[in-house]
Protein backbone atom coordinates (compact mmCIF):
# COMPACT_ATOMS: atom_id res chain seq x y z
CA MET A 1 55.79 183.90 185.35
CA ALA A 2 51.95 184.46 182.63
CA GLN A 3 53.02 183.99 179.33
CA THR A 4 51.49 187.40 179.25
CA THR A 5 53.46 188.33 181.34
CA ILE A 6 56.53 187.41 178.47
CA GLN A 7 57.14 191.53 177.27
CA PRO A 8 59.62 191.26 173.99
CA SER A 9 62.27 193.18 175.34
CA GLU A 10 63.34 189.14 176.94
CA ASN A 11 64.76 188.89 172.90
CA HIS A 12 67.49 189.95 173.43
CA LEU A 13 67.60 192.33 170.13
CA LEU A 14 64.19 193.87 170.27
CA ALA A 15 65.66 195.09 174.32
CA LEU A 16 68.94 197.20 172.50
CA LEU A 17 66.24 199.14 170.71
CA PRO A 18 65.94 202.49 170.96
CA GLN A 19 62.04 203.44 172.61
CA ASN A 20 60.41 205.32 169.35
CA GLU A 21 62.08 201.93 166.81
CA TYR A 22 60.65 199.50 170.02
CA ALA A 23 57.59 201.08 169.93
CA ALA A 24 57.26 200.73 166.16
CA VAL A 25 58.19 197.54 166.32
CA ALA A 26 56.37 195.92 168.86
CA CYS A 27 52.92 197.15 167.76
CA HIS A 28 52.78 195.17 165.11
CA LEU A 29 54.63 191.84 167.62
CA GLU A 30 51.97 188.77 167.47
CA PRO A 31 52.87 186.49 171.34
CA CYS A 32 53.26 183.01 169.87
CA GLU A 33 53.87 180.06 172.46
CA THR A 34 57.17 177.82 170.88
CA PRO A 35 56.53 174.02 171.91
CA ARG A 36 58.88 171.62 171.57
CA GLY A 37 58.33 170.54 167.80
CA PHE A 38 57.08 173.41 166.87
CA VAL A 39 58.14 174.18 163.12
CA ILE A 40 59.07 178.00 162.11
CA VAL A 41 59.47 176.79 158.51
CA GLN A 42 59.70 174.00 156.47
CA ALA A 43 62.54 173.71 154.60
CA CYS A 44 62.26 174.45 151.10
CA ALA A 45 58.55 176.10 152.36
CA PRO A 46 57.33 179.75 152.33
CA ILE A 47 58.12 181.79 154.73
CA ASP A 48 55.39 184.13 157.23
CA HIS A 49 56.79 185.20 159.91
CA ALA A 50 60.48 185.66 161.29
CA TYR A 51 59.92 185.32 165.51
CA PHE A 52 62.13 186.59 167.95
CA PRO A 53 61.70 184.02 171.18
CA CYS A 54 62.00 185.22 174.50
CA SER A 55 62.55 181.72 175.41
CA GLY A 56 63.83 178.72 174.51
CA VAL A 57 66.08 176.96 171.62
CA GLY A 58 65.27 176.63 168.23
CA SER A 59 67.75 174.93 165.70
CA ILE A 60 67.84 175.55 162.25
CA ILE A 61 67.93 172.19 159.96
CA ASN A 62 69.80 171.58 157.25
CA ILE A 63 68.31 168.64 154.87
CA SER A 64 69.70 166.76 152.40
CA PRO A 65 67.41 165.57 148.81
CA ASP A 66 67.86 161.68 150.39
CA GLY A 67 66.89 162.78 153.99
CA ASN A 68 70.28 163.19 155.76
CA ARG A 69 69.92 165.75 158.93
CA VAL A 70 72.21 168.15 160.17
CA GLU A 71 71.76 170.64 162.56
CA GLY A 72 74.08 174.70 160.99
CA GLY A 73 73.21 176.85 163.75
CA LEU A 74 70.54 177.37 166.88
CA PHE A 75 69.47 180.47 168.72
CA GLY A 76 67.32 181.61 171.12
CA ARG A 77 66.27 185.06 172.81
CA ASP A 78 70.08 185.78 171.69
CA GLY A 79 67.83 186.55 167.48
CA PHE A 80 65.65 185.58 165.18
CA ALA A 81 64.29 183.50 163.01
CA PRO A 82 64.24 182.94 159.86
CA THR A 83 67.41 185.26 158.85
CA ALA A 84 65.63 183.82 155.21
CA ALA A 85 63.14 186.90 156.47
CA ALA A 86 64.80 190.08 156.65
CA ILE A 87 66.28 190.02 153.24
CA GLY A 88 62.41 188.73 151.66
CA ALA A 89 63.91 185.32 150.47
CA GLY A 90 60.78 184.28 150.26
CA ILE A 91 61.50 180.76 151.26
CA SER A 92 63.30 178.97 153.80
CA ILE A 93 66.20 176.44 152.44
CA THR A 94 66.72 175.58 155.65
CA GLN A 95 64.10 174.04 158.16
CA VAL A 96 63.42 175.94 161.70
CA VAL A 97 62.59 174.18 164.52
CA VAL A 98 62.54 174.31 168.25
CA GLN A 99 63.69 171.58 170.39
CA VAL A 100 63.73 174.31 174.08
CA PRO A 101 59.94 174.98 174.09
CA GLY A 102 59.57 178.73 175.32
CA PHE A 103 57.69 181.45 174.24
CA ALA A 104 58.42 183.92 171.29
CA TYR A 105 57.02 186.64 169.46
CA ARG A 106 56.23 186.83 165.63
CA LEU A 107 55.81 189.41 163.08
CA PRO A 108 54.55 189.17 159.41
CA GLN A 109 57.64 188.20 156.92
CA GLY A 110 56.79 191.82 154.99
CA LYS A 111 55.90 193.65 157.90
CA LEU A 112 59.25 193.04 159.33
CA LEU A 113 60.81 194.36 155.62
CA ASP A 114 59.14 197.38 156.23
CA LEU A 115 60.45 198.26 159.47
CA MET A 116 63.77 197.28 157.92
CA LYS A 117 62.82 200.84 155.89
CA THR A 118 61.79 202.57 158.93
CA GLN A 119 63.58 201.96 162.32
CA PRO A 120 68.04 202.25 161.05
CA VAL A 121 68.58 200.28 164.69
CA PHE A 122 66.41 197.11 164.11
CA ALA A 123 68.17 197.32 160.90
CA SER A 124 71.08 196.67 161.41
CA LEU A 125 70.69 194.36 164.23
CA LEU A 126 69.20 191.54 162.25
CA HIS A 127 70.98 192.53 160.14
CA LYS A 128 74.52 191.21 163.03
CA SER A 129 72.49 188.41 164.62
CA ALA A 130 72.53 187.33 160.33
CA HIS A 131 76.00 187.98 160.93
CA VAL A 132 76.92 186.22 163.49
CA LEU A 133 74.32 183.25 162.72
CA ALA A 134 76.48 182.57 160.23
CA ILE A 135 79.89 182.91 162.05
CA GLN A 136 78.30 180.14 164.57
CA ALA A 137 77.15 177.35 161.14
CA GLY A 138 80.61 177.39 159.71
CA PHE A 139 82.14 177.01 162.57
CA THR A 140 80.11 174.36 163.95
CA ALA A 141 81.41 173.39 160.24
CA LEU A 142 85.49 173.06 161.83
CA SER A 143 84.08 170.95 164.79
CA ASN A 144 81.97 168.25 163.03
CA ALA A 145 85.68 168.47 160.61
CA VAL A 146 88.29 168.12 164.06
CA HIS A 147 86.86 167.34 167.29
CA GLU A 148 85.54 164.65 169.37
CA VAL A 149 81.67 163.78 169.20
CA ASP A 150 82.09 164.39 172.93
CA GLU A 151 84.08 167.33 172.66
CA ARG A 152 81.91 169.16 169.93
CA LEU A 153 78.85 167.28 172.53
CA ALA A 154 80.41 169.79 175.59
CA ARG A 155 79.96 172.67 173.14
CA TRP A 156 76.42 172.59 172.29
CA ILE A 157 75.77 172.17 175.24
CA LEU A 158 77.60 174.98 176.55
CA MET A 159 75.34 176.95 173.41
CA CYS A 160 71.57 175.90 174.63
CA HIS A 161 72.91 176.90 178.13
CA ASP A 162 74.19 180.10 177.20
CA ARG A 163 69.97 180.74 175.98
CA ILE A 164 68.31 179.50 179.02
CA ASP A 165 67.20 180.09 182.79
CA GLY A 166 68.38 177.42 184.65
CA ASP A 167 71.20 174.51 184.23
CA LYS A 168 68.62 172.33 183.22
CA LEU A 169 67.48 171.20 179.36
CA ALA A 170 64.24 168.90 178.55
CA LEU A 171 67.15 166.84 175.56
CA THR A 172 66.67 162.94 174.47
CA HIS A 173 69.40 161.39 173.22
CA GLU A 174 67.65 161.02 170.49
CA PHE A 175 67.84 164.69 169.41
CA ILE A 176 71.65 164.75 170.74
CA SER A 177 72.42 162.22 167.75
CA VAL A 178 70.19 164.14 165.02
CA MET A 179 71.55 167.65 166.27
CA LEU A 180 74.91 166.41 166.22
CA ALA A 181 74.64 164.72 163.20
CA VAL A 182 75.95 160.64 164.72
CA ARG A 183 74.74 157.65 165.96
CA ARG A 184 72.73 157.38 169.02
CA PRO A 185 75.45 154.73 171.11
CA SER A 186 77.65 157.87 170.37
CA VAL A 187 76.40 160.22 171.70
CA THR A 188 75.85 157.63 174.85
CA THR A 189 79.03 157.10 175.36
CA ALA A 190 79.88 161.08 174.46
CA LEU A 191 77.75 161.50 177.79
CA HIS A 192 79.17 158.66 179.83
CA VAL A 193 82.46 160.94 179.72
CA LEU A 194 81.14 164.50 180.41
CA GLU A 195 79.42 162.68 183.62
CA GLY A 196 82.43 160.67 184.76
CA LYS A 197 83.76 164.19 184.77
CA LEU A 198 81.67 165.71 186.40
CA PHE A 199 80.67 168.61 183.81
CA ILE A 200 76.94 166.98 183.90
CA ARG A 201 73.77 164.71 184.93
CA SER A 202 72.36 163.37 182.23
CA VAL A 203 68.48 161.47 182.95
CA ARG A 204 65.76 160.99 180.89
CA GLY A 205 65.59 163.03 179.14
CA LEU A 206 66.90 165.88 181.05
CA LEU A 207 71.23 167.15 180.89
CA ILE A 208 71.88 169.43 184.06
CA ILE A 209 74.89 171.22 183.40
CA ARG A 210 77.68 170.74 187.21
CA ASP A 211 80.46 172.71 185.58
CA ARG A 212 79.17 174.95 183.54
CA ALA A 213 83.61 176.20 183.61
CA GLY A 214 85.07 172.66 183.44
CA LEU A 215 82.82 172.21 179.96
CA GLU A 216 84.17 175.26 178.65
CA GLU A 217 87.56 173.99 179.59
CA PHE A 218 86.81 170.98 177.88
CA ALA A 219 85.51 171.92 173.99
CA ALA A 220 88.60 174.04 173.65
CA ASP A 221 88.46 175.62 170.60
CA ALA A 222 85.33 174.08 169.56
CA TYR A 223 83.28 176.82 171.11
CA GLY A 224 83.64 180.47 171.99
CA LYS A 225 84.83 182.11 168.61
CA ALA A 226 81.09 182.96 167.45
CA GLU A 227 80.25 184.19 170.95
CA GLU A 228 82.69 186.31 171.15
CA GLU A 229 81.83 187.67 168.02
CA TYR A 230 77.83 187.85 168.28
CA GLU A 231 79.13 189.77 171.72
CA ARG A 232 81.84 192.55 169.55
CA LEU A 233 79.23 193.35 167.46
CA ILE A 234 75.96 193.12 169.76
CA GLY A 235 76.17 192.82 173.46
CA PRO A 236 76.54 189.73 177.03
CA LEU A 237 75.54 186.18 176.03
CA ARG A 238 77.41 183.38 177.23
CA LYS A 239 76.66 182.95 181.00
CA SER A 240 80.97 183.75 182.31
CA ARG A 241 80.24 186.99 181.02
CA LEU A 242 77.25 187.60 182.63
């Protein structure tokens, strides 16, 4: 598909706007390719735009003063980022970076705030999306504290799978180790566990989901609550529900 044929409505939030609000927002949107590693905003840097992905997956990275990094949340066509743009924060405390390449539309932060004042459904959807992302971040913290690495990896793969077409994720072990805040050998071991159970296949730089239902069962209570909240407030997200 040529990038120019991708419509803003392929983002879930924009697709839910009534026709008049969609028209009011869409005329200000700027198309933007988002390759892997594309930085939407640096940590502690000014927010210029809010991005509405139509494909791909982005990560919200928390960075300590000593430079330690961990993923606090992820998003794709289900939402927008940075959510701080919706309150006029001006600066993003977290780094937001693309991990699975895709395509997005973006709005200048000032225009986003103007539209939120005049387009009530748009404003409501942004608030709901920010709330669900906060819930997801809370369950990420819980999972990091109580679940084994292989369960956390299963959860993370499922969350990425919810936001892409097909069953292939182009991800390196090194990147996964940053996202899960574990050493690379731990990622390799966890991948072997999931491969041994025939849930996935891992080749260099690529994960192939073979048994979605098996991954969900294996992840158990590590996965699902934030997804349920998204579906309660916004609409379908999980592939198992589509």
